[in-house]
Every structure is written in structure tokens, then in C-alpha cells.
C-alpha atoms as a PDB file:
ATOM      1  CA  MET A   1     -43.922 -13.093  48.006  1.00  0.00           C
ATOM      2  CA  GLY A   2     -41.273 -12.528  45.351  1.00  0.00           C
ATOM      3  CA  ILE A   3     -41.970 -11.564  41.751  1.00  0.00           C
ATOM      4  CA  SER A   4     -40.569 -13.651  38.913  1.00  0.00           C
ATOM      5  CA  ILE A   5     -38.255 -12.006  36.410  1.00  0.00           C
ATOM      6  CA  ALA A   6     -40.760 -12.710  33.666  1.00  0.00           C
ATOM      7  CA  GLN A   7     -43.240 -10.399  35.388  1.00  0.00           C
ATOM      8  CA  LEU A   8     -40.870  -7.438  35.448  1.00  0.00           C
ATOM      9  CA  LEU A   9     -40.908  -4.688  32.856  1.00  0.00           C
ATOM     10  CA  ALA A  10     -38.026  -4.822  30.365  1.00  0.00           C
ATOM     11  CA  ALA A  11     -35.377  -2.129  30.752  1.00  0.00           C
ATOM     12  CA  SER A  12     -35.214   0.217  27.783  1.00  0.00           C
ATOM     13  CA  VAL A  13     -31.859   1.814  28.728  1.00  0.00           C
ATOM     14  CA  LEU A  14     -28.893   0.385  30.609  1.00  0.00           C
ATOM     15  CA  ASN A  15     -26.790   2.737  32.696  1.00  0.00           C
ATOM     16  CA  GLU A  16     -23.273   2.110  33.963  1.00  0.00           C
ATOM     17  CA  GLY A  17     -24.462   1.970  37.552  1.00  0.00           C
ATOM     18  CA  ASP A  18     -27.328  -0.475  36.953  1.00  0.00           C
ATOM     19  CA  CYS A  19     -27.005  -3.697  38.941  1.00  0.00           C
ATOM     20  CA  PHE A  20     -27.561  -7.344  38.022  1.00  0.00           C
ATOM     21  CA  GLU A  21     -28.164 -10.147  40.521  1.00  0.00           C
ATOM     22  CA  ILE A  22     -25.946 -13.203  40.217  1.00  0.00           C
ATOM     23  CA  GLU A  23     -25.649 -16.360  42.303  1.00  0.00           C
ATOM     24  CA  GLN A  24     -22.058 -17.404  42.832  1.00  0.00           C
ATOM     25  CA  THR A  25     -20.758 -20.932  43.439  1.00  0.00           C
ATOM     26  CA  ASP A  26     -20.961 -20.486  47.223  1.00  0.00           C
ATOM     27  CA  GLY A  27     -24.731 -20.108  46.869  1.00  0.00           C
ATOM     28  CA  VAL A  28     -24.718 -16.451  47.864  1.00  0.00           C
ATOM     29  CA  SER A  29     -26.425 -13.908  45.611  1.00  0.00           C
ATOM     30  CA  ARG A  30     -24.513 -10.714  44.906  1.00  0.00           C
ATOM     31  CA  LYS A  31     -24.937  -7.634  42.780  1.00  0.00           C
ATOM     32  CA  LEU A  32     -22.864  -6.829  39.682  1.00  0.00           C
ATOM     33  CA  THR A  33     -22.807  -3.480  37.866  1.00  0.00           C
ATOM     34  CA  ARG A  34     -22.868  -3.138  34.116  1.00  0.00           C
ATOM     35  CA  THR A  35     -19.284  -1.825  34.189  1.00  0.00           C
ATOM     36  CA  GLN A  36     -18.096  -4.849  36.174  1.00  0.00           C
ATOM     37  CA  LEU A  37     -19.928  -7.251  33.855  1.00  0.00           C
ATOM     38  CA  ARG A  38     -18.367  -5.731  30.728  1.00  0.00           C
ATOM     39  CA  SER A  39     -14.902  -5.829  32.297  1.00  0.00           C
ATOM     40  CA  LEU A  40     -15.301  -9.520  33.152  1.00  0.00           C
ATOM     41  CA  LEU A  41     -16.455 -10.444  29.665  1.00  0.00           C
ATOM     42  CA  LEU A  42     -13.770  -8.462  27.818  1.00  0.00           C
ATOM     43  CA  SER A  43     -11.010  -9.986  29.923  1.00  0.00           C
ATOM     44  CA  ASP A  44     -12.280 -13.530  29.333  1.00  0.00           C
ATOM     45  CA  PRO A  45     -10.386 -15.179  26.410  1.00  0.00           C
ATOM     46  CA  ALA A  46     -13.629 -16.785  25.283  1.00  0.00           C
ATOM     47  CA  TYR A  47     -15.053 -13.352  24.505  1.00  0.00           C
ATOM     48  CA  ALA A  48     -11.885 -11.519  23.516  1.00  0.00           C
ATOM     49  CA  ARG A  49     -11.684  -9.986  20.045  1.00  0.00           C
ATOM     50  CA  PRO A  50      -8.484  -8.739  18.377  1.00  0.00           C
ATOM     51  CA  LEU A  51      -8.747  -5.102  17.377  1.00  0.00           C
ATOM     52  CA  PRO A  52      -9.096  -4.632  13.606  1.00  0.00           C
ATOM     53  CA  ILE A  53      -7.134  -2.146  11.529  1.00  0.00           C
ATOM     54  CA  VAL A  54      -8.242  -0.377   8.374  1.00  0.00           C
ATOM     55  CA  GLY A  55      -8.834  -2.902   5.600  1.00  0.00           C
ATOM     56  CA  ASP A  56      -9.375  -5.947   7.855  1.00  0.00           C
ATOM     57  CA  THR A  57     -12.419  -8.182   7.455  1.00  0.00           C
ATOM     58  CA  LEU A  58     -14.178 -10.400  10.013  1.00  0.00           C
ATOM     59  CA  THR A  59     -14.156 -14.145   9.371  1.00  0.00           C
ATOM     60  CA  TYR A  60     -17.461 -15.990   9.237  1.00  0.00           C
ATOM     61  CA  GLY A  61     -16.188 -19.164  10.877  1.00  0.00           C
ATOM     62  CA  SER A  62     -15.934 -18.555  14.602  1.00  0.00           C
ATOM     63  CA  GLY A  63     -16.564 -14.833  14.293  1.00  0.00           C
ATOM     64  CA  ASN A  64     -13.565 -14.255  16.538  1.00  0.00           C
ATOM     65  CA  ASP A  65     -10.778 -13.527  14.083  1.00  0.00           C
ATOM     66  CA  TRP A  66      -9.896 -10.744  11.700  1.00  0.00           C
ATOM     67  CA  ILE A  67      -8.181 -11.384   8.378  1.00  0.00           C
ATOM     68  CA  ALA A  68      -5.570  -8.779   7.487  1.00  0.00           C
ATOM     69  CA  GLY A  69      -6.532  -6.640   4.534  1.00  0.00           C
ATOM     70  CA  PRO A  70      -4.239  -5.967   1.554  1.00  0.00           C
ATOM     71  CA  PRO A  71      -0.894  -4.415   2.480  1.00  0.00           C
ATOM     72  CA  SER A  72      -0.562  -0.664   2.006  1.00  0.00           C
ATOM     73  CA  ARG A  73       1.019   0.357  -1.280  1.00  0.00           C
ATOM     74  CA  TRP A  74       3.093   2.860   0.674  1.00  0.00           C
ATOM     75  CA  ARG A  75       5.537   1.847   3.404  1.00  0.00           C
ATOM     76  CA  VAL A  76       5.845   4.786   5.779  1.00  0.00           C
ATOM     77  CA  ILE A  77       9.382   5.343   7.059  1.00  0.00           C
ATOM     78  CA  PRO A  78       9.699   5.920  10.834  1.00  0.00           C
ATOM     79  CA  ALA A  79      10.136   9.622  11.548  1.00  0.00           C
ATOM     80  CA  ALA A  80      13.220   8.893  13.661  1.00  0.00           C
ATOM     81  CA  ALA A  81      14.930   7.272  10.670  1.00  0.00           C
ATOM     82  CA  TYR A  82      15.432  10.390   8.513  1.00  0.00           C
ATOM     83  CA  VAL A  83      16.219  14.070   8.869  1.00  0.00           C
ATOM     84  CA  ALA A  84      12.864  15.818   8.954  1.00  0.00           C
ATOM     85  CA  THR A  85      14.210  19.329   8.448  1.00  0.00           C
ATOM     86  CA  SER A  86      13.904  20.947   5.027  1.00  0.00           C
ATOM     87  CA  PRO A  87      15.333  18.969   2.083  1.00  0.00           C
ATOM     88  CA  ALA A  88      18.744  20.139   0.885  1.00  0.00           C
ATOM     89  CA  ILE A  89      17.949  22.112  -2.254  1.00  0.00           C
ATOM     90  CA  ALA A  90      20.598  23.403  -4.674  1.00  0.00           C
ATOM     91  CA  PRO A  91      20.872  23.667  -8.482  1.00  0.00           C
ATOM     92  CA  GLY A  92      20.415  20.109  -9.764  1.00  0.00           C
ATOM     93  CA  ILE A  93      20.070  18.625  -6.274  1.00  0.00           C
ATOM     94  CA  VAL A  94      17.081  17.901  -4.028  1.00  0.00           C
ATOM     95  CA  ALA A  95      18.402  15.675  -1.235  1.00  0.00           C
ATOM     96  CA  ILE A  96      16.659  14.012   1.709  1.00  0.00           C
ATOM     97  CA  GLY A  97      19.037  13.214   4.546  1.00  0.00           C
ATOM     98  CA  PHE A  98      19.419  10.263   6.912  1.00  0.00           C
ATOM     99  CA  PRO A  99      21.601  10.169  10.044  1.00  0.00           C
ATOM    100  CA  GLY A 100      23.243   6.897   9.026  1.00  0.00           C
ATOM    101  CA  GLY A 101      25.151   4.611  11.352  1.00  0.00           C
ATOM    102  CA  THR A 102      23.837   1.724  13.392  1.00  0.00           C
ATOM    103  CA  ALA A 103      20.204   1.221  14.355  1.00  0.00           C
ATOM    104  CA  SER A 104      18.920   3.122  17.378  1.00  0.00           C
ATOM    105  CA  GLY A 105      15.934   2.087  19.452  1.00  0.00           C
ATOM    106  CA  GLY A 106      15.198  -0.671  16.967  1.00  0.00           C
ATOM    107  CA  ILE A 107      14.991   1.789  14.045  1.00  0.00           C
ATOM    108  CA  ASN A 108      17.368   1.592  11.077  1.00  0.00           C
ATOM    109  CA  ARG A 109      18.944   4.950  10.272  1.00  0.00           C
ATOM    110  CA  LYS A 110      20.456   4.435   6.805  1.00  0.00           C
ATOM    111  CA  ALA A 111      18.699   5.474   3.600  1.00  0.00           C
ATOM    112  CA  THR A 112      19.901   2.210   2.062  1.00  0.00           C
ATOM    113  CA  ASP A 113      17.811   0.316   4.637  1.00  0.00           C
ATOM    114  CA  TYR A 114      14.633   1.625   2.981  1.00  0.00           C
ATOM    115  CA  PHE A 115      15.366   2.882  -0.534  1.00  0.00           C
ATOM    116  CA  GLU A 116      17.078   1.801  -3.716  1.00  0.00           C
ATOM    117  CA  LYS A 117      17.588   3.561  -7.006  1.00  0.00           C
ATOM    118  CA  GLY A 118      14.385   3.981  -9.020  1.00  0.00           C
ATOM    119  CA  VAL A 119      11.772   3.192  -6.338  1.00  0.00           C
ATOM    120  CA  PRO A 120       8.787   5.558  -5.995  1.00  0.00           C
ATOM    121  CA  VAL A 121       8.916   8.062  -3.143  1.00  0.00           C
ATOM    122  CA  ARG A 122       6.158  10.044  -1.437  1.00  0.00           C
ATOM    123  CA  VAL A 123       7.073  13.134   0.576  1.00  0.00           C
ATOM    124  CA  GLU A 124       4.542  14.983   2.722  1.00  0.00           C
ATOM    125  CA  ILE A 125       5.378  18.659   3.234  1.00  0.00           C
ATOM    126  CA  GLY A 126       2.410  20.515   4.651  1.00  0.00           C
ATOM    127  CA  THR A 127      -0.397  18.490   6.187  1.00  0.00           C
ATOM    128  CA  GLY A 128      -1.935  16.245   3.521  1.00  0.00           C
ATOM    129  CA  VAL A 129       0.182  17.757   0.716  1.00  0.00           C
ATOM    130  CA  TYR A 130       2.146  15.015  -1.068  1.00  0.00           C
ATOM    131  CA  TYR A 131       4.933  15.154  -3.637  1.00  0.00           C
ATOM    132  CA  TYR A 132       5.757  12.111  -5.760  1.00  0.00           C
ATOM    133  CA  GLY A 133       9.045  11.166  -7.357  1.00  0.00           C
ATOM    134  CA  LEU A 134      11.840   8.600  -7.564  1.00  0.00           C
ATOM    135  CA  ALA A 135      14.854   7.813  -5.404  1.00  0.00           C
ATOM    136  CA  ASP A 136      18.278   8.288  -6.974  1.00  0.00           C
ATOM    137  CA  GLU A 137      21.889   8.431  -5.766  1.00  0.00           C
ATOM    138  CA  VAL A 138      20.955   6.368  -2.693  1.00  0.00           C
ATOM    139  CA  ILE A 139      23.737   6.241  -0.095  1.00  0.00           C
ATOM    140  CA  GLU A 140      23.848   5.629   3.656  1.00  0.00           C
ATOM    141  CA  PHE A 141      23.211   9.272   4.512  1.00  0.00           C
ATOM    142  CA  GLY A 142      20.388  10.049   2.109  1.00  0.00           C
ATOM    143  CA  PHE A 143      19.164  10.058  -1.454  1.00  0.00           C
ATOM    144  CA  THR A 144      18.326  12.437  -4.275  1.00  0.00           C
ATOM    145  CA  PHE A 145      14.627  13.068  -4.892  1.00  0.00           C
ATOM    146  CA  VAL A 146      13.794  13.030  -8.615  1.00  0.00           C
ATOM    147  CA  GLY A 147      10.482  14.790  -9.107  1.00  0.00           C
ATOM    148  CA  ALA A 148       8.877  18.187  -8.780  1.00  0.00           C
ATOM    149  CA  LEU A 149      10.817  20.736  -6.763  1.00  0.00           C
ATOM    150  CA  LEU A 150      10.100  20.308  -3.036  1.00  0.00           C
ATOM    151  CA  PRO A 151       9.331  23.293  -0.805  1.00  0.00           C
ATOM    152  CA  ALA A 152      11.968  24.377   1.686  1.00  0.00           C
ATOM    153  CA  ALA A 153       9.930  23.229   4.693  1.00  0.00           C
ATOM    154  CA  PRO A 154      10.031  20.354   7.218  1.00  0.00           C
ATOM    155  CA  ILE A 155       9.096  16.856   6.040  1.00  0.00           C
ATOM    156  CA  LEU A 156       5.988  15.564   7.834  1.00  0.00           C
ATOM    157  CA  SER A 157       6.151  12.009   6.450  1.00  0.00           C
ATOM    158  CA  LEU A 158       8.240   9.963   4.049  1.00  0.00           C
ATOM    159  CA  ALA A 159       7.215   6.737   2.322  1.00  0.00           C
ATOM    160  CA  VAL A 160       8.484   4.262  -0.270  1.00  0.00           C
ATOM    161  CA  GLY A 161       6.027   2.819  -2.780  1.00  0.00           C
ATOM    162  CA  ALA A 162       5.523  -0.388  -4.723  1.00  0.00           C
ATOM    163  CA  PRO A 163       7.630  -0.747  -7.906  1.00  0.00           C
ATOM    164  CA  ASP A 164       4.529  -1.047 -10.100  1.00  0.00           C
ATOM    165  CA  MET A 165       3.695   2.589  -9.345  1.00  0.00           C
ATOM    166  CA  VAL A 166       6.359   3.658 -11.856  1.00  0.00           C
ATOM    167  CA  LYS A 167       4.956   4.147 -15.378  1.00  0.00           C
ATOM    168  CA  CYS A 168       7.067   4.990 -18.433  1.00  0.00           C
ATOM    169  CA  VAL A 169       5.543   6.558 -21.535  1.00  0.00           C
ATOM    170  CA  ASP A 170       7.236   7.354 -24.865  1.00  0.00           C
ATOM    171  CA  MET A 171       5.921  10.076 -27.139  1.00  0.00           C
ATOM    172  CA  ILE A 172       7.336   9.931 -30.678  1.00  0.00           C
ATOM    173  CA  TYR A 173       7.204  12.449 -33.496  1.00  0.00           C
ATOM    174  CA  PRO A 174       8.072  10.332 -36.571  1.00  0.00           C
ATOM    175  CA  ASP A 175       8.934  13.121 -38.972  1.00  0.00           C
ATOM    176  CA  ALA A 176      11.486  15.814 -39.725  1.00  0.00           C
ATOM    177  CA  ALA A 177      11.359  19.496 -38.873  1.00  0.00           C
ATOM    178  CA  TYR A 178       9.169  19.156 -35.768  1.00  0.00           C
ATOM    179  CA  ASN A 179      10.318  22.595 -34.664  1.00  0.00           C
ATOM    180  CA  THR A 180       9.700  24.719 -37.769  1.00  0.00           C
ATOM    181  CA  SER A 181       6.113  25.886 -37.285  1.00  0.00           C
ATOM    182  CA  THR A 182       5.293  29.230 -35.713  1.00  0.00           C
ATOM    183  CA  THR A 183       1.587  28.428 -35.336  1.00  0.00           C
ATOM    184  CA  LEU A 184       1.282  24.743 -34.465  1.00  0.00           C
ATOM    185  CA  VAL A 185       2.667  22.919 -31.466  1.00  0.00           C
ATOM    186  CA  LEU A 186       5.681  21.015 -32.783  1.00  0.00           C
ATOM    187  CA  ASN A 187       4.299  21.226 -36.338  1.00  0.00           C
ATOM    188  CA  LYS A 188       1.384  18.723 -36.544  1.00  0.00           C
ATOM    189  CA  GLY A 189       1.526  18.126 -32.828  1.00  0.00           C
ATOM    190  CA  CYS A 190       3.263  15.674 -30.554  1.00  0.00           C
ATOM    191  CA  GLN A 191       0.678  14.514 -28.048  1.00  0.00           C
ATOM    192  CA  TYR A 192      -0.285  11.605 -25.815  1.00  0.00           C
ATOM    193  CA  CYS A 193      -3.684  10.770 -24.295  1.00  0.00           C
ATOM    194  CA  TRP A 194      -3.271   9.573 -20.717  1.00  0.00           C
ATOM    195  CA  ARG A 195      -5.489   6.695 -19.579  1.00  0.00           C
ATOM    196  CA  GLY A 196      -5.831   5.254 -16.094  1.00  0.00           C
ATOM    197  CA  LYS A 197      -5.195   6.520 -12.586  1.00  0.00           C
ATOM    198  CA  THR A 198      -3.811   9.973 -11.904  1.00  0.00           C
ATOM    199  CA  GLY A 199      -0.054  10.222 -12.427  1.00  0.00           C
ATOM    200  CA  TYR A 200       2.673  12.675 -11.452  1.00  0.00           C
ATOM    201  CA  LEU A 201       5.596  13.345 -13.783  1.00  0.00           C
ATOM    202  CA  ALA A 202       8.924  12.649 -12.074  1.00  0.00           C
ATOM    203  CA  THR A 203      11.300  13.259 -14.977  1.00  0.00           C
ATOM    204  CA  TYR A 204      11.447  13.316 -18.770  1.00  0.00           C
ATOM    205  CA  ALA A 205      14.196  12.899 -21.348  1.00  0.00           C
ATOM    206  CA  VAL A 206      14.371  13.903 -25.009  1.00  0.00           C
ATOM    207  CA  SER A 207      16.371  12.823 -28.046  1.00  0.00           C
ATOM    208  CA  HIS A 208      16.350  13.683 -31.739  1.00  0.00           C
ATOM    209  CA  MET A 209      18.245  13.142 -35.011  1.00  0.00           C
ATOM    210  CA  ASN A 210      19.585  16.540 -35.933  1.00  0.00           C
ATOM    211  CA  THR A 211      22.956  18.231 -36.015  1.00  0.00           C
ATOM    212  CA  GLY A 212      21.608  21.150 -33.989  1.00  0.00           C
ATOM    213  CA  SER A 213      21.276  21.275 -30.234  1.00  0.00           C
ATOM    214  CA  ILE A 214      19.456  24.519 -29.555  1.00  0.00           C
ATOM    215  CA  VAL A 215      15.857  23.254 -29.590  1.00  0.00           C
ATOM    216  CA  ASN A 216      14.191  23.530 -26.180  1.00  0.00           C
ATOM    217  CA  VAL A 217      11.457  20.930 -25.514  1.00  0.00           C
ATOM    218  CA  ASN A 218       8.907  21.340 -22.747  1.00  0.00           C
ATOM    219  CA  LEU A 219       5.697  19.520 -21.772  1.00  0.00           C
ATOM    220  CA  GLN A 220       2.215  20.650 -20.823  1.00  0.00           C
ATOM    221  CA  MET A 221      -0.386  18.589 -18.958  1.00  0.00           C
ATOM    222  CA  ASN A 222      -3.935  19.103 -20.220  1.00  0.00           C
ATOM    223  CA  GLY A 223      -3.115  22.461 -21.761  1.00  0.00           C
ATOM    224  CA  GLY A 224      -1.602  23.825 -18.566  1.00  0.00           C
ATOM    225  CA  ALA A 225       1.625  25.689 -17.979  1.00  0.00           C
ATOM    226  CA  ASN A 226       5.037  24.235 -18.787  1.00  0.00           C
ATOM    227  CA  VAL A 227       6.080  21.388 -16.476  1.00  0.00           C
ATOM    228  CA  SER A 228       9.713  22.514 -16.477  1.00  0.00           C
ATOM    229  CA  ALA A 229      11.061  25.906 -15.504  1.00  0.00           C
ATOM    230  CA  THR A 230      13.893  25.503 -18.021  1.00  0.00           C
ATOM    231  CA  GLY A 231      12.854  22.873 -20.586  1.00  0.00           C
ATOM    232  CA  VAL A 232      15.238  20.260 -22.012  1.00  0.00           C
ATOM    233  CA  ILE A 233      17.612  20.726 -24.946  1.00  0.00           C
ATOM    234  CA  PRO A 234      18.285  17.467 -26.847  1.00  0.00           C
ATOM    235  CA  ALA A 235      21.863  16.548 -27.670  1.00  0.00           C
ATOM    236  CA  ALA A 236      22.944  16.924 -31.277  1.00  0.00           C
ATOM    237  CA  GLY A 237      22.835  13.862 -33.487  1.00  0.00           C
ATOM    238  CA  THR A 238      23.248  13.347 -37.226  1.00  0.00           C
ATOM    239  CA  ALA A 239      20.996  12.634 -40.154  1.00  0.00           C
ATOM    240  CA  THR A 240      21.443   8.916 -39.477  1.00  0.00           C
ATOM    241  CA  THR A 241      22.141   8.676 -35.747  1.00  0.00           C
ATOM    242  CA  ARG A 242      20.169   9.824 -32.744  1.00  0.00           C
ATOM    243  CA  GLY A 243      21.681  12.100 -30.137  1.00  0.00           C
ATOM    244  CA  THR A 244      21.913  10.841 -26.559  1.00  0.00           C
ATOM    245  CA  PHE A 245      18.883  11.325 -24.338  1.00  0.00           C
ATOM    246  CA  VAL A 246      19.052  14.408 -22.147  1.00  0.00           C
ATOM    247  CA  SER A 247      16.951  14.409 -18.966  1.00  0.00           C
ATOM    248  CA  SER A 248      15.192  17.246 -17.209  1.00  0.00           C
ATOM    249  CA  VAL A 249      17.396  18.778 -14.536  1.00  0.00           C
ATOM    250  CA  ILE A 250      16.486  17.747 -10.981  1.00  0.00           C
ATOM    251  CA  GLY A 251      14.608  20.512  -9.216  1.00  0.00           C
ATOM    252  CA  THR A 252      13.290  22.197 -12.378  1.00  0.00           C
ATOM    253  CA  LEU A 253       9.850  20.555 -12.567  1.00  0.00           C
ATOM    254  CA  VAL A 254       7.048  22.720 -11.178  1.00  0.00           C
ATOM    255  CA  ALA A 255       4.882  20.851  -8.645  1.00  0.00           C
ATOM    256  CA  ALA A 256       1.667  22.584  -9.707  1.00  0.00           C
ATOM    257  CA  ASN A 257       2.110  21.466 -13.348  1.00  0.00           C
ATOM    258  CA  VAL A 258       3.108  17.767 -13.242  1.00  0.00           C
ATOM    259  CA  LYS A 259      -0.262  16.126 -12.517  1.00  0.00           C
ATOM    260  CA  ILE A 260      -2.149  14.257 -15.280  1.00  0.00           C
ATOM    261  CA  GLU A 261      -5.574  12.603 -15.052  1.00  0.00           C
ATOM    262  CA  ASP A 262      -7.533  10.070 -17.095  1.00  0.00           C
ATOM    263  CA  THR A 263      -8.266  11.142 -20.721  1.00  0.00           C
ATOM    264  CA  GLN A 264      -6.201  14.322 -20.392  1.00  0.00           C
ATOM    265  CA  ILE A 265      -3.645  15.222 -23.063  1.00  0.00           C
ATOM    266  CA  ILE A 266       0.125  15.584 -22.668  1.00  0.00           C
ATOM    267  CA  THR A 267       1.648  17.918 -25.251  1.00  0.00           C
ATOM    268  CA  ALA A 268       5.297  18.386 -26.170  1.00  0.00           C
ATOM    269  CA  LYS A 269       6.107  21.918 -27.259  1.00  0.00           C
ATOM    270  CA  THR A 270       8.979  24.278 -27.922  1.00  0.00           C
ATOM    271  CA  PRO A 271       8.615  27.553 -26.033  1.00  0.00           C
ATOM    272  CA  ILE A 272      10.846  29.305 -28.560  1.00  0.00           C
ATOM    273  CA  ILE A 273      10.753  28.430 -32.260  1.00  0.00           C
ATOM    274  CA  THR A 274      14.465  28.238 -32.966  1.00  0.00           C
ATOM    275  CA  GLY A 275      16.929  25.778 -34.401  1.00  0.00           C
ATOM    276  CA  SER A 276      15.654  22.604 -36.016  1.00  0.00           C
ATOM    277  CA  GLY A 277      14.929  19.033 -35.005  1.00  0.00           C
ATOM    278  CA  ASP A 278      14.022  15.694 -36.552  1.00  0.00           C
ATOM    279  CA  TYR A 279      12.280  12.565 -35.239  1.00  0.00           C
ATOM    280  CA  LEU A 280      11.779  13.673 -31.676  1.00  0.00           C
ATOM    281  CA  ILE A 281      11.351  11.127 -28.852  1.00  0.00           C
ATOM    282  CA  VAL A 282      10.150  12.205 -25.415  1.00  0.00           C
ATOM    283  CA  ASN A 283      10.530   9.601 -22.672  1.00  0.00           C
ATOM    284  CA  MET A 284       8.380  10.380 -19.608  1.00  0.00           C
ATOM    285  CA  VAL A 285       8.466   8.689 -16.208  1.00  0.00           C
ATOM    286  CA  PHE A 286       5.474   9.017 -13.864  1.00  0.00           C
ATOM    287  CA  VAL A 287       4.595   7.900 -10.374  1.00  0.00           C
ATOM    288  CA  VAL A 288       1.026   6.578 -10.238  1.00  0.00           C
ATOM    289  CA  PRO A 289       0.140   6.266  -6.528  1.00  0.00           C
END
């Protein structure tokens, strides 16, 4: 006499080789392993599930579909699209190269296919080590990287960011003789309190109203070392007109010194007390990833 299924002990563990009894449409009972059963179910459209990616969420309607999460703020450029060898580094130039020409294997090979002037750029050199800056001088065969000096090492990844990652900050010293003190930073101080997400200085420019042009202005993040290896000397102006803005030279910002975090202080300073200057303006451009 047979035993009903209800009288059997429940299995506590299922192994791949365990068998199930099924009765097919021809009336014949056959065995089916756990592996075979899973394969049948996963290949049946009624039980199929699309594979999620990071950021996706499962819908509560049918329970079968995934809704795409928010798009990444960084668009990673295919490795075959650019020249992954060390960036071309020379005085005033940090260039990232592209082969140019027509697309190959479905991948565009011009820098202009991915970048335009002023967009944020992320460069990975060293696993998990990222450098942030802006694209400039964008042509078919590459672009200039405006940011901290990149190491002379292969590029592991390259990405273009959303425009809202670029943040501009002006720091203004509304008085004369900002450079005359030998004890205070810029005589009474020229500082800015950073609020929000961590930022990385890409470039800064300075201007003042003074007939001299020998003042050297540098920046410090949270009391750290100078951000620039050379500083920036403002162009001469007059007592009534401001000199043109002069920007930090590409490749002179020190990667270890450009990071600023919430509530930290940015300070403008003159490494050498010399010359004179009035009504200083420091324009800073950050990438906030």
C-alpha cells in the first residue's frame, strides 16, 4: 500500500540531485531533479525576471519588472575611445589624447564626441584614485585637463560629469592695502567658509585695483599647504580700474592640497609680503562630484 505525501516527513534541505515525481500529459510519471526544475522555471517567460543593476527598484504591481534607478552623475568613456597612456604633461599643458577619426567597433573616437569646454572631468590614475577638473581646448584628438597636476601614469578610467557639478565661488577683500601686513593673512584676512559636499579646486583667478603687479596670491584649504606651486600674480590696474583676471597656470595646482570639505575655511594669502594691492577678488572654480 502506498503512503500519501501528507504522511511523509518534510525535507529540511534540498540538494541538486534530489528528485521530484511529476505526471506528464501522457499519464506516465517521471522523475525531475532540482536542477532540471529550476532550469525549466527560469526559461519560462512567466517566471523570467530581468536582472537589476545598481540603483534599480522592484515594482509592486506584477512583481516582475525593475524600474531603472537615477542615472549616474558620471558618464564613463569607453576605454577604447581615448589614449590610456600617461597624459601629455608640459609647462602649462596637461593633455588627454584621443585617436580621432571615424568610429570603430561602434565606439566614437573623437574627444568632441564626449566633451565640451567647461564640463567636469574625472580621471582615475591608480586604482580608486580620482582627479577632478574641467575640460578645455577640446578638439578631435583630445582636450586640456584643467585641475590638479595629474601623475605621469596610465589612465584607468575617464568620465564626464553633469554640468551642475561645477561650483564657482568669489572671495572679495573690499579694502585697500590687503598685502601690507607681515603678521596677518592678507591684513584682516580674506577667507571663505565652504558649505555642502566635498569639492576639488580646478582653477582660480585673481584681480585687483593697483598699479603694481608683483603681489603673489595663493590659497590654502583648511589651513593646509598652498594649493598652487607658483601662486598667481594679478595684472596691474589703476586706482579706478581693475586689472584683468589672471588664472592659475594649468598643471601648477597640487593634488594633495585642492580638497575642501563642509565647514572648512579657504584662505587667500601672499607667500611673500611684497608690492601692494587693493580690493582683491579671488574667483575659484570647483568640481563637486
